[in-house]
C-alpha atoms as a PDB file:
ATOM      1  CA  MET A   1    -104.754  -3.766  49.806  1.00  0.00           C
ATOM      2  CA  THR A   2    -104.869  -6.544  47.194  1.00  0.00           C
ATOM      3  CA  ILE A   3    -103.240  -9.908  47.903  1.00  0.00           C
ATOM      4  CA  ALA A   4    -100.640  -9.135  45.221  1.00  0.00           C
ATOM      5  CA  LYS A   5     -99.634  -5.871  46.916  1.00  0.00           C
ATOM      6  CA  LYS A   6     -99.837  -7.408  50.400  1.00  0.00           C
ATOM      7  CA  ILE A   7     -97.503 -10.298  49.511  1.00  0.00           C
ATOM      8  CA  LEU A   8     -94.957  -8.045  47.819  1.00  0.00           C
ATOM      9  CA  ALA A   9     -95.287  -5.393  50.567  1.00  0.00           C
ATOM     10  CA  ASN A  10     -94.379  -8.077  53.114  1.00  0.00           C
ATOM     11  CA  GLY A  11     -90.978  -8.302  51.480  1.00  0.00           C
ATOM     12  CA  MET A  12     -91.666 -11.301  49.249  1.00  0.00           C
ATOM     13  CA  SER A  13     -90.178 -10.941  45.782  1.00  0.00           C
ATOM     14  CA  GLU A  14     -91.978 -12.014  42.627  1.00  0.00           C
ATOM     15  CA  HIS A  15     -89.384 -14.789  42.308  1.00  0.00           C
ATOM     16  CA  GLU A  16     -90.359 -16.167  45.751  1.00  0.00           C
ATOM     17  CA  ALA A  17     -94.063 -15.883  44.878  1.00  0.00           C
ATOM     18  CA  ILE A  18     -93.382 -17.901  41.683  1.00  0.00           C
ATOM     19  CA  ASP A  19     -91.546 -20.613  43.647  1.00  0.00           C
ATOM     20  CA  LEU A  20     -94.416 -20.931  46.142  1.00  0.00           C
ATOM     21  CA  ALA A  21     -97.034 -20.863  43.341  1.00  0.00           C
ATOM     22  CA  LYS A  22     -95.163 -23.781  41.725  1.00  0.00           C
ATOM     23  CA  GLN A  23     -95.681 -25.697  44.973  1.00  0.00           C
ATOM     24  CA  GLY A  24     -99.428 -25.021  44.814  1.00  0.00           C
ATOM     25  CA  ASP A  25     -99.702 -21.904  47.028  1.00  0.00           C
ATOM     26  CA  ALA A  26    -103.032 -20.371  45.918  1.00  0.00           C
ATOM     27  CA  GLU A  27    -102.382 -16.922  47.449  1.00  0.00           C
ATOM     28  CA  CYS A  28     -99.069 -16.594  45.627  1.00  0.00           C
ATOM     29  CA  PHE A  29    -100.697 -17.645  42.345  1.00  0.00           C
ATOM     30  CA  GLU A  30    -103.401 -15.030  42.947  1.00  0.00           C
ATOM     31  CA  ALA A  31    -100.659 -12.469  43.596  1.00  0.00           C
ATOM     32  CA  LEU A  32     -99.070 -13.284  40.224  1.00  0.00           C
ATOM     33  CA  TYR A  33    -102.499 -13.009  38.584  1.00  0.00           C
ATOM     34  CA  GLY A  34    -102.997  -9.586  40.191  1.00  0.00           C
ATOM     35  CA  LEU A  35     -99.593  -8.389  39.004  1.00  0.00           C
ATOM     36  CA  HIS A  36     -99.902  -9.529  35.383  1.00  0.00           C
ATOM     37  CA  LYS A  37    -103.610  -9.708  34.467  1.00  0.00           C
ATOM     38  CA  ARG A  38    -103.844  -6.148  33.118  1.00  0.00           C
ATOM     39  CA  ARG A  39    -100.957  -6.555  30.684  1.00  0.00           C
ATOM     40  CA  VAL A  40    -102.122 -10.015  29.553  1.00  0.00           C
ATOM     41  CA  TYR A  41    -105.651  -8.666  28.983  1.00  0.00           C
ATOM     42  CA  SER A  42    -104.249  -5.706  27.040  1.00  0.00           C
ATOM     43  CA  LEU A  43    -102.220  -8.092  24.826  1.00  0.00           C
ATOM     44  CA  CYS A  44    -105.275 -10.321  24.180  1.00  0.00           C
ATOM     45  CA  LEU A  45    -107.475  -7.305  23.405  1.00  0.00           C
ATOM     46  CA  ARG A  46    -104.973  -5.882  20.917  1.00  0.00           C
ATOM     47  CA  MET A  47    -104.687  -9.241  19.155  1.00  0.00           C
ATOM     48  CA  VAL A  48    -108.400 -10.087  18.894  1.00  0.00           C
ATOM     49  CA  GLY A  49    -109.969  -6.594  19.005  1.00  0.00           C
ATOM     50  CA  ASN A  50    -112.949  -7.793  21.055  1.00  0.00           C
ATOM     51  CA  THR A  51    -113.383  -7.185  24.807  1.00  0.00           C
ATOM     52  CA  ALA A  52    -115.466 -10.291  25.592  1.00  0.00           C
ATOM     53  CA  GLU A  53    -113.043 -12.564  23.700  1.00  0.00           C
ATOM     54  CA  ALA A  54    -110.075 -10.826  25.337  1.00  0.00           C
ATOM     55  CA  GLU A  55    -111.545 -11.495  28.814  1.00  0.00           C
ATOM     56  CA  ASP A  56    -112.102 -15.179  27.996  1.00  0.00           C
ATOM     57  CA  LEU A  57    -108.595 -15.514  26.559  1.00  0.00           C
ATOM     58  CA  THR A  58    -107.059 -13.813  29.609  1.00  0.00           C
ATOM     59  CA  GLN A  59    -108.781 -16.388  31.848  1.00  0.00           C
ATOM     60  CA  GLU A  60    -107.603 -19.184  29.537  1.00  0.00           C
ATOM     61  CA  ALA A  61    -104.028 -17.847  29.635  1.00  0.00           C
ATOM     62  CA  PHE A  62    -104.033 -17.927  33.453  1.00  0.00           C
ATOM     63  CA  LEU A  63    -105.560 -21.422  33.454  1.00  0.00           C
ATOM     64  CA  GLN A  64    -102.666 -22.475  31.221  1.00  0.00           C
ATOM     65  CA  LEU A  65    -100.278 -20.707  33.603  1.00  0.00           C
ATOM     66  CA  TYR A  66    -101.760 -22.629  36.537  1.00  0.00           C
ATOM     67  CA  ARG A  67    -101.167 -25.908  34.679  1.00  0.00           C
ATOM     68  CA  LYS A  68     -97.713 -25.014  33.365  1.00  0.00           C
ATOM     69  CA  ILE A  69     -96.099 -22.791  36.018  1.00  0.00           C
ATOM     70  CA  SER A  70     -94.014 -25.757  37.252  1.00  0.00           C
ATOM     71  CA  THR A  71     -92.273 -25.788  33.837  1.00  0.00           C
ATOM     72  CA  PHE A  72     -91.031 -22.185  34.254  1.00  0.00           C
ATOM     73  CA  ARG A  73     -87.244 -22.451  34.571  1.00  0.00           C
ATOM     74  CA  GLY A  74     -86.371 -18.784  34.956  1.00  0.00           C
ATOM     75  CA  GLU A  75     -84.268 -18.692  31.757  1.00  0.00           C
ATOM     76  CA  SER A  76     -86.178 -15.543  30.700  1.00  0.00           C
ATOM     77  CA  ALA A  77     -88.157 -12.975  32.690  1.00  0.00           C
ATOM     78  CA  PHE A  78     -91.419 -14.401  34.053  1.00  0.00           C
ATOM     79  CA  SER A  79     -93.424 -11.675  32.261  1.00  0.00           C
ATOM     80  CA  THR A  80     -91.785 -12.617  28.914  1.00  0.00           C
ATOM     81  CA  TRP A  81     -92.568 -16.302  29.475  1.00  0.00           C
ATOM     82  CA  LEU A  82     -96.169 -15.523  30.493  1.00  0.00           C
ATOM     83  CA  HIS A  83     -96.738 -13.261  27.470  1.00  0.00           C
ATOM     84  CA  ARG A  84     -95.442 -15.944  25.114  1.00  0.00           C
ATOM     85  CA  LEU A  85     -97.854 -18.387  26.748  1.00  0.00           C
ATOM     86  CA  ALA A  86    -100.702 -15.842  26.291  1.00  0.00           C
ATOM     87  CA  VAL A  87     -99.739 -15.252  22.637  1.00  0.00           C
ATOM     88  CA  ASN A  88     -99.894 -19.025  22.031  1.00  0.00           C
ATOM     89  CA  VAL A  89    -103.344 -19.194  23.686  1.00  0.00           C
ATOM     90  CA  VAL A  90    -104.600 -16.405  21.380  1.00  0.00           C
ATOM     91  CA  LEU A  91    -103.047 -17.967  18.245  1.00  0.00           C
ATOM     92  CA  MET A  92    -104.591 -21.374  19.077  1.00  0.00           C
ATOM     93  CA  HIS A  93    -107.980 -19.668  19.543  1.00  0.00           C
ATOM     94  CA  LEU A  94    -107.672 -17.863  16.190  1.00  0.00           C
ATOM     95  CA  ARG A  95    -106.706 -21.074  14.386  1.00  0.00           C
ATOM     96  CA  LYS A  96    -109.689 -22.946  15.856  1.00  0.00           C
ATOM     97  CA  LYS A  97    -111.950 -20.079  14.852  1.00  0.00           C
ATOM     98  CA  GLY A  98    -110.651 -20.328  11.275  1.00  0.00           C
ATOM     99  CA  LEU A  99    -110.183 -16.585  11.163  1.00  0.00           C
ATOM    100  CA  PRO A 100    -110.196 -15.009   7.687  1.00  0.00           C
ATOM    101  CA  GLU A 101    -106.637 -13.710   7.850  1.00  0.00           C
ATOM    102  CA  VAL A 102    -104.669 -11.781   5.286  1.00  0.00           C
ATOM    103  CA  SER A 103    -102.539 -14.467   3.676  1.00  0.00           C
ATOM    104  CA  LEU A 104     -99.160 -14.778   5.349  1.00  0.00           C
ATOM    105  CA  GLU A 105     -97.800 -16.057   2.054  1.00  0.00           C
ATOM    106  CA  GLU A 106     -98.241 -12.676   0.337  1.00  0.00           C
ATOM    107  CA  THR A 107     -94.935 -11.108  -0.616  1.00  0.00           C
ATOM    108  CA  LEU A 108     -94.060  -7.580  -1.667  1.00  0.00           C
ATOM    109  CA  GLU A 109     -94.969  -6.724  -5.242  1.00  0.00           C
ATOM    110  CA  PRO A 110     -91.852  -6.922  -7.498  1.00  0.00           C
ATOM    111  CA  GLN A 111     -92.156  -3.310  -8.699  1.00  0.00           C
ATOM    112  CA  GLN A 112     -91.809  -2.092  -5.119  1.00  0.00           C
ATOM    113  CA  GLU A 113     -88.428  -3.781  -4.908  1.00  0.00           C
ATOM    114  CA  ASP A 114     -87.201  -1.767  -7.918  1.00  0.00           C
ATOM    115  CA  GLY A 115     -87.797   1.511  -6.050  1.00  0.00           C
ATOM    116  CA  PRO A 116     -85.699   2.917  -3.194  1.00  0.00           C
ATOM    117  CA  LYS A 117     -84.603   0.152  -0.858  1.00  0.00           C
ATOM    118  CA  LYS A 118     -86.349   0.145   2.514  1.00  0.00           C
ATOM    119  CA  ASP A 119     -85.695  -2.145   5.436  1.00  0.00           C
ATOM    120  CA  ILE A 120     -89.295  -3.054   6.098  1.00  0.00           C
ATOM    121  CA  GLY A 121     -88.597  -4.841   9.368  1.00  0.00           C
ATOM    122  CA  THR A 122     -87.170  -1.850  11.221  1.00  0.00           C
ATOM    123  CA  ARG A 123     -88.711   0.801  13.485  1.00  0.00           C
ATOM    124  CA  ASP A 124     -91.209   3.145  11.850  1.00  0.00           C
ATOM    125  CA  ASN A 125     -90.514   6.634  13.207  1.00  0.00           C
ATOM    126  CA  VAL A 126     -93.736   8.114  11.804  1.00  0.00           C
ATOM    127  CA  LEU A 127     -95.877   5.635  13.753  1.00  0.00           C
ATOM    128  CA  ALA A 128     -93.591   5.757  16.788  1.00  0.00           C
ATOM    129  CA  GLY A 129     -93.920   9.563  17.004  1.00  0.00           C
ATOM    130  CA  SER A 130     -96.364  11.450  19.165  1.00  0.00           C
ATOM    131  CA  ILE A 131     -99.658  10.016  17.903  1.00  0.00           C
ATOM    132  CA  ASP A 132    -102.843  10.283  19.913  1.00  0.00           C
ATOM    133  CA  ARG A 133    -102.815   6.985  21.812  1.00  0.00           C
ATOM    134  CA  VAL A 134    -106.596   6.504  21.677  1.00  0.00           C
ATOM    135  CA  ASN A 135    -106.658   6.945  17.895  1.00  0.00           C
ATOM    136  CA  LEU A 136    -103.731   4.551  17.532  1.00  0.00           C
ATOM    137  CA  GLU A 137    -105.479   1.871  19.644  1.00  0.00           C
ATOM    138  CA  ARG A 138    -108.656   2.283  17.543  1.00  0.00           C
ATOM    139  CA  ALA A 139    -106.665   2.094  14.320  1.00  0.00           C
ATOM    140  CA  ILE A 140    -104.909  -1.102  15.497  1.00  0.00           C
ATOM    141  CA  GLU A 141    -108.326  -2.658  16.260  1.00  0.00           C
ATOM    142  CA  SER A 142    -109.462  -1.753  12.711  1.00  0.00           C
ATOM    143  CA  LEU A 143    -106.574  -3.583  11.018  1.00  0.00           C
ATOM    144  CA  PRO A 144    -107.364  -6.871   9.242  1.00  0.00           C
ATOM    145  CA  PRO A 145    -106.603  -9.719  11.707  1.00  0.00           C
ATOM    146  CA  GLY A 146    -103.472 -10.982   9.909  1.00  0.00           C
ATOM    147  CA  TYR A 147    -101.903  -7.518   9.854  1.00  0.00           C
ATOM    148  CA  ARG A 148    -103.005  -6.706  13.407  1.00  0.00           C
ATOM    149  CA  ILE A 149    -101.406  -9.816  14.936  1.00  0.00           C
ATOM    150  CA  ILE A 150     -97.999  -9.221  13.321  1.00  0.00           C
ATOM    151  CA  PHE A 151     -98.078  -5.505  14.208  1.00  0.00           C
ATOM    152  CA  VAL A 152     -98.942  -6.225  17.855  1.00  0.00           C
ATOM    153  CA  LEU A 153     -96.319  -8.961  18.178  1.00  0.00           C
ATOM    154  CA  HIS A 154     -93.525  -6.875  16.635  1.00  0.00           C
ATOM    155  CA  ASP A 155     -94.216  -3.201  17.367  1.00  0.00           C
ATOM    156  CA  VAL A 156     -96.137  -3.523  20.638  1.00  0.00           C
ATOM    157  CA  GLU A 157     -94.791  -6.679  22.298  1.00  0.00           C
ATOM    158  CA  GLY A 158     -91.288  -6.438  20.865  1.00  0.00           C
ATOM    159  CA  TYR A 159     -90.891  -9.927  19.352  1.00  0.00           C
ATOM    160  CA  GLU A 160     -88.217 -10.338  16.672  1.00  0.00           C
ATOM    161  CA  HIS A 161     -89.215 -11.419  13.147  1.00  0.00           C
ATOM    162  CA  ASN A 162     -87.589 -14.841  13.572  1.00  0.00           C
ATOM    163  CA  GLU A 163     -89.718 -15.429  16.730  1.00  0.00           C
ATOM    164  CA  ILE A 164     -92.897 -14.266  14.972  1.00  0.00           C
ATOM    165  CA  ALA A 165     -92.149 -16.481  11.972  1.00  0.00           C
ATOM    166  CA  GLU A 166     -91.792 -19.479  14.293  1.00  0.00           C
ATOM    167  CA  MET A 167     -95.027 -18.674  16.175  1.00  0.00           C
ATOM    168  CA  MET A 168     -97.052 -17.982  13.044  1.00  0.00           C
ATOM    169  CA  GLY A 169     -95.587 -20.735  10.887  1.00  0.00           C
ATOM    170  CA  CYS A 170     -94.442 -18.353   8.142  1.00  0.00           C
ATOM    171  CA  SER A 171     -91.107 -17.114   6.792  1.00  0.00           C
ATOM    172  CA  ILE A 172     -89.171 -14.152   8.241  1.00  0.00           C
ATOM    173  CA  GLY A 173     -89.660 -12.340   4.899  1.00  0.00           C
ATOM    174  CA  ASN A 174     -93.419 -12.788   5.141  1.00  0.00           C
ATOM    175  CA  SER A 175     -93.439 -11.476   8.706  1.00  0.00           C
ATOM    176  CA  LYS A 176     -91.544  -8.349   7.546  1.00  0.00           C
ATOM    177  CA  SER A 177     -93.853  -7.936   4.559  1.00  0.00           C
ATOM    178  CA  GLN A 178     -96.996  -8.184   6.730  1.00  0.00           C
ATOM    179  CA  LEU A 179     -95.578  -5.677   9.203  1.00  0.00           C
ATOM    180  CA  HIS A 180     -94.806  -3.227   6.388  1.00  0.00           C
ATOM    181  CA  LYS A 181     -98.357  -3.540   5.028  1.00  0.00           C
ATOM    182  CA  ALA A 182     -99.846  -3.221   8.530  1.00  0.00           C
ATOM    183  CA  ARG A 183     -97.910   0.036   9.078  1.00  0.00           C
ATOM    184  CA  MET A 184     -99.038   1.432   5.699  1.00  0.00           C
ATOM    185  CA  LYS A 185    -102.656   0.560   6.532  1.00  0.00           C
ATOM    186  CA  LEU A 186    -102.283   2.137   9.993  1.00  0.00           C
ATOM    187  CA  ARG A 187    -100.955   5.362   8.480  1.00  0.00           C
ATOM    188  CA  ASP A 188    -103.971   5.509   6.153  1.00  0.00           C
ATOM    189  CA  LEU A 189    -106.381   4.895   9.056  1.00  0.00           C
ATOM    190  CA  LEU A 190    -104.702   7.588  11.184  1.00  0.00           C
ATOM    191  CA  LYS A 191    -104.735  10.100   8.290  1.00  0.00           C
ATOM    192  CA  LEU A 192    -108.442   9.419   7.802  1.00  0.00           C
ATOM    193  CA  SER A 193    -109.092   9.885  11.519  1.00  0.00           C
ATOM    194  CA  ARG A 194    -107.214  13.232  11.518  1.00  0.00           C
ATOM    195  CA  ALA A 195    -109.106  14.395   8.412  1.00  0.00           C
ATOM    196  CA  GLU A 196    -112.441  13.520  10.045  1.00  0.00           C
ATOM    197  CA  LYS A 197    -111.470  15.454  13.189  1.00  0.00           C
ATOM    198  CA  ALA A 198    -110.402  18.486  11.136  1.00  0.00           C
ATOM    199  CA  ALA A 199    -113.690  18.393   9.161  1.00  0.00           C
ATOM    200  CA  ALA A 200    -115.699  18.192  12.412  1.00  0.00           C
ATOM    201  CA  ARG A 201    -113.962  21.323  13.742  1.00  0.00           C
ATOM    202  CA  ARG A 202    -114.953  23.387  10.702  1.00  0.00           C
END
């Protein structure tokens, strides 16, 4: 049994483990690591699309957690707070790396606004439908970095456009525009993947 399971099996809640970790209890911190590492790693991997980088960033996120856990006030769920901390670690890493991102200042082409009005910040039912999960994960990894980050933050992690705009230092309109373009690109990638599969079956 892992330390995480052992501590929680002994009747200790996550809240109690957090309180003890704040006081420097190493076992409780390890329990929190055990409970959340998989989801933090998954978030990092989706954002950077590279397993080695994702592993390093997961470790960095938990180092940051170790330094900052005393500042957790419980105003939001611990997992939400930790994921925001991990997102910030990834964004700082990408800025330092000087990643060639799709410009966040791009806006929708004027002629598109003359057509039927679409709310480009809302749920996309085509992408949310029953798509092969493995193909979707691969397609997300293939997105240009700027598109991928906004898509992961909004459609996977559930951040609102105003939160993404604040994190990314762009406008809400630009966040919506990038998400729209990311979804269009994803649809194209998924169509291509399906076409390749169909051709291979023939």
